[in-house]
Amino acid sequence: MSQRNLLLSLIALSLSASGGVGWYLVNNLPGKSLGAALILQQGSAHVPEDKNLSPSPIEQSTSITERTVSFMTAGPTSTSILFIDTPSGRVYRVDTETREEVPLSLRISDLIDVRWSPLKTSLIAKVRTPQGEQLRLVRLGEQKTSVLPKAIAAAFSPDGLSLATLEPGEPGGIFTQKLDGSERVRWTQTRTRAGDIFWPQPESLGLMITNQATKTGDVFLVNKAGDLTRLIAHHATLEVLWSPDGTSLAHMPRQGGALPGISITTPLTLIETSLTTVPKLCAWRKDASHILCAIKNGQETSLVSYSLKTDRRVSMAQKIIQTMGVRALAINTLETQVFLVPASGVGIYTVPLNDSL
């Protein structure tokens, strides 16, 4: 073989070996993913750094049901979801793995709002009647419904075994009772005729008093002695979301506040997050260290996890969220999945909740 032909052969072998190594790296790296392949192809592509907003990897979403959904919450197990089917007005439980749907209630007509029990075995339904709004206790799986005749607001206890009701008139006040109506006692007196009630901690109730003239509200903690601790003062149209441990609450900003996003009141401070959303489009992590919110920017929506300790935001890019928006969201019991109802109200989707969120 001539020297020239030998040299050409060596070059060809070198190129072939390089291609083989490249193929091996792309296809055999530990944790191989499309992201790894793109990094190898793009080389040193520059990604702008934002210390407050960090993107997380795109994950795959899964459709669980094609029903039209008006209200939804995570079920008592990590793979269960409870929801209200809008056309039928019935509560269903669906399993995210088998897609099996089980009806849990009869029709709830003219439904306005829902509050789910922490045990997910019952709910408080606010319904519209010819006489006005009415609250009902619905026991899921038992086909039982009880009217709360005098209550203008009601909330479950943290253990899900009792109810607190806000009742105007004489004798008015805040009352607590077991779900079957037994052990009814008056927690404290109050003159308010407009507001809401919560039960964030075993020994403290949350009371929202609304000023109908100014459309603002105050939120207090009330202990069994009737002592009030003001948490929020003169905030615009109030909507609140208590953390699971009852220590913090996300709410709408103060009237005339500096930032338009939701605020978070903790035992130590008030945090203005600049998360331009509403509390009903957020979900707390169990330890109240982070809150996950759906944020709409123009025509696109994303999920953003906010850290109360570091003020850091992590955004999750997800096609179904970006294009369809979010009407409701919840986090499953193991904090491994996010359950989403799109803005249209049609369907429920699951999205993996990765460690960065």
Protein backbone atom coordinates (compact mmCIF):
# COMPACT_ATOMS: atom_id res chain seq x y z
CA MET A 1 0.00 0.00 0.00
CA SER A 2 1.31 3.42 -0.88
CA GLN A 3 2.07 5.96 1.82
CA ARG A 4 -0.73 8.19 0.52
CA ASN A 5 -3.34 5.42 0.70
CA LEU A 6 -2.16 4.44 4.17
CA LEU A 7 -2.61 8.02 5.38
CA LEU A 8 -6.15 8.22 3.96
CA SER A 9 -7.07 4.94 5.65
CA LEU A 10 -5.83 6.20 9.04
CA ILE A 11 -7.89 9.40 8.68
CA ALA A 12 -11.03 7.41 7.83
CA LEU A 13 -10.54 5.15 10.86
CA SER A 14 -10.06 8.17 13.13
CA LEU A 15 -13.29 9.82 11.92
CA SER A 16 -15.22 6.57 12.34
CA ALA A 17 -13.96 6.15 15.91
CA SER A 18 -14.90 9.74 16.78
CA GLY A 19 -18.43 9.22 15.46
CA GLY A 20 -18.75 6.00 17.46
CA VAL A 21 -17.66 7.71 20.67
CA GLY A 22 -20.13 10.55 20.04
CA TRP A 23 -22.98 8.08 19.47
CA TYR A 24 -22.05 6.19 22.64
CA LEU A 25 -22.00 9.36 24.76
CA VAL A 26 -25.40 10.51 23.54
CA ASN A 27 -27.06 7.12 24.01
CA ASN A 28 -25.33 5.65 27.07
CA LEU A 29 -24.86 8.44 29.59
CA PRO A 30 -26.39 7.64 33.03
CA GLY A 31 -29.83 9.21 33.31
CA LYS A 32 -29.92 9.63 29.50
CA SER A 33 -32.54 12.16 28.41
CA LEU A 34 -33.46 14.42 25.55
CA GLY A 35 -31.96 17.25 27.61
CA ALA A 36 -28.57 15.46 27.74
CA ALA A 37 -28.60 14.88 23.98
CA LEU A 38 -29.44 18.53 23.33
CA ILE A 39 -26.62 19.70 25.58
CA LEU A 40 -24.14 17.55 23.64
CA GLN A 41 -25.46 18.88 20.34
CA GLN A 42 -25.57 22.52 21.37
CA GLY A 43 -22.21 22.57 23.12
CA SER A 44 -21.71 25.69 25.19
CA ALA A 45 -25.00 27.45 24.38
CA HIS A 46 -25.43 30.34 26.82
CA VAL A 47 -28.54 30.51 29.05
CA PRO A 48 -29.17 33.89 30.74
CA GLU A 49 -29.04 33.62 34.52
CA ASP A 50 -31.78 34.99 36.73
CA LYS A 51 -31.14 34.65 40.43
CA ASN A 52 -34.85 34.88 41.25
CA LEU A 53 -36.37 32.77 38.48
CA SER A 54 -34.79 29.45 37.56
CA PRO A 55 -36.34 27.16 34.95
CA SER A 56 -36.78 23.47 35.75
CA PRO A 57 -36.85 20.64 33.19
CA ILE A 58 -39.94 20.12 31.06
CA GLU A 59 -41.96 17.16 32.33
CA GLN A 60 -44.69 15.07 30.72
CA SER A 61 -48.32 15.61 31.69
CA THR A 62 -50.98 12.89 31.81
CA SER A 63 -54.72 13.24 31.28
CA ILE A 64 -56.77 11.53 34.02
CA THR A 65 -60.37 12.29 33.04
CA GLU A 66 -62.22 14.05 30.25
CA ARG A 67 -65.11 15.22 32.43
CA THR A 68 -65.91 18.90 32.95
CA VAL A 69 -64.74 19.77 36.46
CA SER A 70 -65.98 22.61 38.68
CA PHE A 71 -64.02 21.82 41.89
CA MET A 72 -61.07 19.51 42.57
CA THR A 73 -58.77 18.47 45.42
CA ALA A 74 -56.12 15.86 46.11
CA GLY A 75 -57.61 12.70 47.58
CA PRO A 76 -56.64 10.85 50.79
CA THR A 77 -54.06 8.72 48.92
CA SER A 78 -51.21 9.80 46.64
CA THR A 79 -52.98 8.47 43.52
CA SER A 80 -56.52 9.69 44.21
CA ILE A 81 -58.31 12.88 43.18
CA LEU A 82 -61.73 14.12 44.30
CA PHE A 83 -63.69 16.34 41.95
CA ILE A 84 -67.18 17.58 41.19
CA ASP A 85 -68.50 16.75 37.73
CA THR A 86 -70.17 19.95 36.52
CA PRO A 87 -73.01 18.47 34.40
CA SER A 88 -74.17 15.96 37.03
CA GLY A 89 -73.25 17.93 40.18
CA ARG A 90 -71.88 14.73 41.74
CA VAL A 91 -68.61 14.16 43.58
CA TYR A 92 -66.29 11.55 42.08
CA ARG A 93 -63.06 9.92 43.16
CA VAL A 94 -60.68 8.97 40.36
CA ASP A 95 -57.48 6.94 40.59
CA THR A 96 -54.59 8.43 38.62
CA GLU A 97 -53.15 5.02 37.74
CA THR A 98 -56.25 2.96 36.83
CA ARG A 99 -58.47 5.93 35.74
CA GLU A 100 -61.31 4.24 37.65
CA GLU A 101 -64.02 6.72 38.68
CA VAL A 102 -66.26 6.13 41.71
CA PRO A 103 -69.29 8.36 42.48
CA LEU A 104 -69.34 9.52 46.11
CA SER A 105 -72.46 11.68 46.34
CA LEU A 106 -75.87 12.46 44.92
CA ARG A 107 -76.37 15.58 42.83
CA ILE A 108 -75.46 18.88 44.52
CA SER A 109 -77.65 21.44 42.75
CA ASP A 110 -76.83 25.13 42.21
CA LEU A 111 -73.36 24.79 43.71
CA ILE A 112 -71.45 28.04 44.39
CA ASP A 113 -68.41 26.94 46.35
CA VAL A 114 -66.88 23.98 48.17
CA ARG A 115 -64.70 23.41 51.24
CA TRP A 116 -63.15 19.94 51.50
CA SER A 117 -62.54 18.12 54.78
CA PRO A 118 -58.85 17.45 55.61
CA LEU A 119 -59.83 13.76 55.73
CA LYS A 120 -61.49 14.07 52.27
CA THR A 121 -64.51 12.18 53.60
CA SER A 122 -66.91 15.14 53.55
CA LEU A 123 -67.32 18.67 52.24
CA ILE A 124 -69.15 21.90 52.96
CA ALA A 125 -71.18 23.00 49.95
CA LYS A 126 -72.42 26.55 49.47
CA VAL A 127 -75.50 26.38 47.27
CA ARG A 128 -78.01 28.82 45.84
CA THR A 129 -81.66 28.44 46.89
CA PRO A 130 -84.81 30.57 46.32
CA GLN A 131 -84.35 31.88 49.87
CA GLY A 132 -80.69 32.80 49.31
CA GLU A 133 -77.34 31.08 49.88
CA GLN A 134 -77.26 28.00 52.09
CA LEU A 135 -74.49 25.84 53.58
CA ARG A 136 -74.75 22.05 53.61
CA LEU A 137 -72.55 19.33 55.06
CA VAL A 138 -72.16 16.49 52.55
CA ARG A 139 -70.89 13.13 53.86
CA LEU A 140 -69.14 11.45 50.93
CA GLY A 141 -69.93 7.81 50.27
CA GLU A 142 -72.88 7.89 52.68
CA GLN A 143 -75.37 9.79 50.48
CA LYS A 144 -76.07 12.05 53.49
CA THR A 145 -76.54 15.82 53.44
CA SER A 146 -77.24 18.07 56.43
CA VAL A 147 -78.25 21.74 56.24
CA LEU A 148 -76.36 24.22 58.43
CA PRO A 149 -79.41 26.51 58.77
CA LYS A 150 -78.04 29.57 60.58
CA ALA A 151 -74.45 29.58 59.32
CA ILE A 152 -73.12 32.17 56.88
CA ALA A 153 -69.69 30.45 56.90
CA ALA A 154 -68.29 27.12 58.07
CA ALA A 155 -64.93 25.36 58.30
CA PHE A 156 -63.56 21.95 59.22
CA SER A 157 -61.24 21.43 62.17
CA PRO A 158 -57.62 20.45 61.37
CA ASP A 159 -58.40 16.80 62.19
CA GLY A 160 -61.55 16.86 60.05
CA LEU A 161 -63.78 15.61 62.88
CA SER A 162 -65.53 18.86 63.84
CA LEU A 163 -67.08 21.97 62.32
CA ALA A 164 -66.94 25.65 63.19
CA THR A 165 -69.80 27.89 62.06
CA LEU A 166 -70.21 31.65 61.94
CA GLU A 167 -73.80 32.54 62.83
CA PRO A 168 -75.25 36.07 63.06
CA GLY A 169 -78.37 36.98 65.01
CA GLU A 170 -79.34 36.12 68.56
CA PRO A 171 -77.68 34.23 70.07
CA GLY A 172 -74.99 34.83 67.49
CA GLY A 173 -71.35 33.98 67.47
CA ILE A 174 -68.89 31.29 66.50
CA PHE A 175 -69.96 27.73 67.32
CA THR A 176 -68.17 24.40 67.15
CA GLN A 177 -69.68 20.92 66.93
CA LYS A 178 -68.99 17.37 65.83
CA LEU A 179 -69.98 16.46 62.28
CA ASP A 180 -73.13 14.72 63.55
CA GLY A 181 -74.21 17.93 65.36
CA SER A 182 -73.30 16.73 68.86
CA GLU A 183 -71.13 18.58 71.41
CA ARG A 184 -72.25 21.95 70.09
CA VAL A 185 -70.77 24.86 72.05
CA ARG A 186 -70.34 28.58 71.48
CA TRP A 187 -66.66 29.41 71.02
CA THR A 188 -67.13 33.17 71.30
CA GLN A 189 -69.61 35.95 70.58
CA THR A 190 -69.39 38.19 67.53
CA ARG A 191 -71.62 40.83 65.98
CA THR A 192 -70.39 40.42 62.43
CA ARG A 193 -73.01 39.78 59.76
CA ALA A 194 -70.57 39.40 56.85
CA GLY A 195 -67.36 37.44 56.78
CA ASP A 196 -65.81 34.02 56.79
CA ILE A 197 -64.36 31.53 59.23
CA PHE A 198 -61.40 29.13 59.19
CA TRP A 199 -59.94 26.56 61.60
CA PRO A 200 -56.18 26.62 60.97
CA GLN A 201 -54.98 25.47 64.41
CA PRO A 202 -56.58 23.15 67.00
CA GLU A 203 -56.89 25.90 69.63
CA SER A 204 -57.44 28.91 67.36
CA LEU A 205 -60.05 29.87 64.80
CA GLY A 206 -59.55 32.33 61.97
CA LEU A 207 -62.22 35.00 61.60
CA MET A 208 -62.54 37.27 58.58
CA ILE A 209 -64.68 40.37 59.05
CA THR A 210 -65.74 42.14 55.85
CA ASN A 211 -66.54 45.85 55.61
CA GLN A 212 -69.32 46.00 53.03
CA ALA A 213 -68.88 49.72 52.44
CA THR A 214 -65.14 49.67 51.68
CA LYS A 215 -65.00 46.10 50.34
CA THR A 216 -62.01 45.43 52.58
CA GLY A 217 -61.52 42.92 55.33
CA ASP A 218 -59.61 42.08 58.47
CA VAL A 219 -58.48 38.62 59.57
CA PHE A 220 -58.11 37.66 63.24
CA LEU A 221 -57.06 34.60 65.19
CA VAL A 222 -59.58 33.86 67.97
CA ASN A 223 -58.79 31.62 70.94
CA LYS A 224 -61.34 29.91 73.20
CA ALA A 225 -61.21 32.79 75.65
CA GLY A 226 -62.38 35.12 72.89
CA ASP A 227 -59.08 36.98 72.61
CA LEU A 228 -58.41 38.43 69.14
CA THR A 229 -55.06 38.69 67.37
CA ARG A 230 -55.19 40.73 64.16
CA LEU A 231 -53.26 39.13 61.28
CA ILE A 232 -54.45 41.21 58.32
CA ALA A 233 -55.85 44.74 58.37
CA HIS A 234 -57.84 46.57 55.68
CA HIS A 235 -56.94 44.37 52.74
CA ALA A 236 -58.68 44.50 49.40
CA THR A 237 -61.33 41.93 48.50
CA LEU A 238 -60.06 39.15 50.66
CA GLU A 239 -59.29 35.64 49.52
CA VAL A 240 -56.99 33.59 51.71
CA LEU A 241 -55.22 30.23 51.61
CA TRP A 242 -53.94 28.85 54.92
CA SER A 243 -50.84 26.68 55.00
CA PRO A 244 -51.42 23.04 56.09
CA ASP A 245 -49.75 23.67 59.46
CA GLY A 246 -51.95 26.71 60.10
CA THR A 247 -49.04 29.10 60.67
CA SER A 248 -49.08 31.15 57.46
CA LEU A 249 -51.62 32.37 54.96
CA ALA A 250 -51.46 33.63 51.40
CA HIS A 251 -53.86 36.45 50.62
CA MET A 252 -54.59 39.34 48.31
CA PRO A 253 -52.38 42.43 48.77
CA ARG A 254 -53.06 45.36 51.02
CA GLN A 255 -55.16 48.16 49.62
CA GLY A 256 -52.66 50.54 48.05
CA GLY A 257 -49.82 48.06 48.57
CA ALA A 258 -46.52 48.44 46.75
CA LEU A 259 -46.73 45.18 44.80
CA PRO A 260 -49.69 43.73 42.87
CA GLY A 261 -48.96 40.06 43.65
CA ILE A 262 -50.21 37.93 46.52
CA SER A 263 -48.88 38.54 50.01
CA ILE A 264 -47.98 35.96 52.64
CA THR A 265 -48.42 36.58 56.35
CA THR A 266 -46.24 34.39 58.58
CA PRO A 267 -45.86 34.41 62.38
CA LEU A 268 -42.85 36.70 61.95
CA THR A 269 -43.42 38.94 58.96
CA LEU A 270 -45.43 40.03 55.93
CA ILE A 271 -43.97 38.95 52.58
CA GLU A 272 -44.98 40.70 49.36
CA THR A 273 -44.15 38.13 46.71
CA SER A 274 -44.92 39.90 43.39
CA LEU A 275 -46.55 36.61 42.28
CA THR A 276 -49.30 38.04 40.11
CA THR A 277 -52.01 35.50 40.81
CA VAL A 278 -54.77 34.74 43.32
CA PRO A 279 -54.63 32.34 46.30
CA LYS A 280 -57.08 29.87 44.75
CA LEU A 281 -54.49 29.23 42.02
CA CYS A 282 -51.85 28.25 44.58
CA ALA A 283 -51.06 25.20 46.71
CA TRP A 284 -48.89 24.99 49.82
CA ARG A 285 -46.18 22.43 50.49
CA LYS A 286 -46.82 20.53 53.73
CA ASP A 287 -44.09 22.25 55.74
CA ALA A 288 -45.18 25.71 54.51
CA SER A 289 -41.66 26.40 53.22
CA HIS A 290 -42.84 26.83 49.62
CA ILE A 291 -45.99 27.77 47.79
CA LEU A 292 -46.73 26.67 44.22
CA CYS A 293 -48.76 29.04 42.04
CA ALA A 294 -50.07 29.26 38.49
CA ILE A 295 -48.91 32.55 36.96
CA LYS A 296 -50.40 33.93 33.75
CA ASN A 297 -48.18 36.12 31.57
CA GLY A 298 -49.96 37.28 28.43
CA GLN A 299 -51.34 34.20 26.69
CA GLU A 300 -49.08 31.76 28.53
CA THR A 301 -49.31 30.23 32.00
CA SER A 302 -46.54 28.62 34.06
CA LEU A 303 -46.15 27.02 37.47
CA VAL A 304 -43.86 28.92 39.83
CA SER A 305 -42.61 27.61 43.15
CA TYR A 306 -41.80 30.36 45.67
CA SER A 307 -39.53 29.86 48.69
CA LEU A 308 -40.58 31.88 51.74
CA LYS A 309 -37.09 31.62 53.21
CA THR A 310 -34.94 32.58 50.22
CA ASP A 311 -37.37 34.55 48.02
CA ARG A 312 -36.28 32.24 45.18
CA ARG A 313 -38.65 31.38 42.34
CA VAL A 314 -38.43 28.25 40.20
CA SER A 315 -40.54 28.10 37.05
CA MET A 316 -41.71 24.82 35.53
CA ALA A 317 -42.13 24.90 31.75
CA GLN A 318 -44.95 22.53 30.78
CA LYS A 319 -46.73 22.57 27.43
CA ILE A 320 -50.19 21.74 28.75
CA ILE A 321 -49.95 24.53 31.33
CA GLN A 322 -48.59 27.12 28.91
CA THR A 323 -51.28 26.60 26.29
CA MET A 324 -54.37 25.64 28.32
CA GLY A 325 -53.96 27.68 31.50
CA VAL A 326 -54.95 26.60 35.02
CA ARG A 327 -58.31 26.80 36.77
CA ALA A 328 -57.41 24.81 39.89
CA LEU A 329 -54.40 22.93 41.24
CA ALA A 330 -53.51 20.63 44.13
CA ILE A 331 -50.49 18.66 45.34
CA ASN A 332 -50.82 14.96 46.14
CA THR A 333 -50.13 13.55 49.61
CA LEU A 334 -46.57 12.40 48.81
CA GLU A 335 -45.78 15.72 47.07
CA THR A 336 -44.72 13.88 43.91
CA GLN A 337 -47.50 15.10 41.59
CA VAL A 338 -49.40 18.29 40.82
CA PHE A 339 -53.05 17.87 39.81
CA LEU A 340 -54.33 20.53 37.39
CA VAL A 341 -57.68 21.53 35.96
CA PRO A 342 -57.15 23.64 32.79
CA ALA A 343 -58.80 27.04 32.37
CA SER A 344 -61.54 25.48 30.22
CA GLY A 345 -62.57 23.25 33.13
CA VAL A 346 -62.39 20.17 30.92
CA GLY A 347 -60.24 17.34 32.26
CA ILE A 348 -57.70 16.81 35.05
CA TYR A 349 -53.99 16.44 34.33
CA THR A 350 -51.07 15.26 36.45
CA VAL A 351 -47.59 16.77 36.22
CA PRO A 352 -44.57 15.37 38.10
CA LEU A 353 -43.43 17.59 40.97
CA ASN A 354 -39.65 17.39 40.77
CA ASP A 355 -37.27 18.16 43.61
CA SER A 356 -36.44 21.65 42.36
CA LEU A 357 -40.03 22.71 42.99
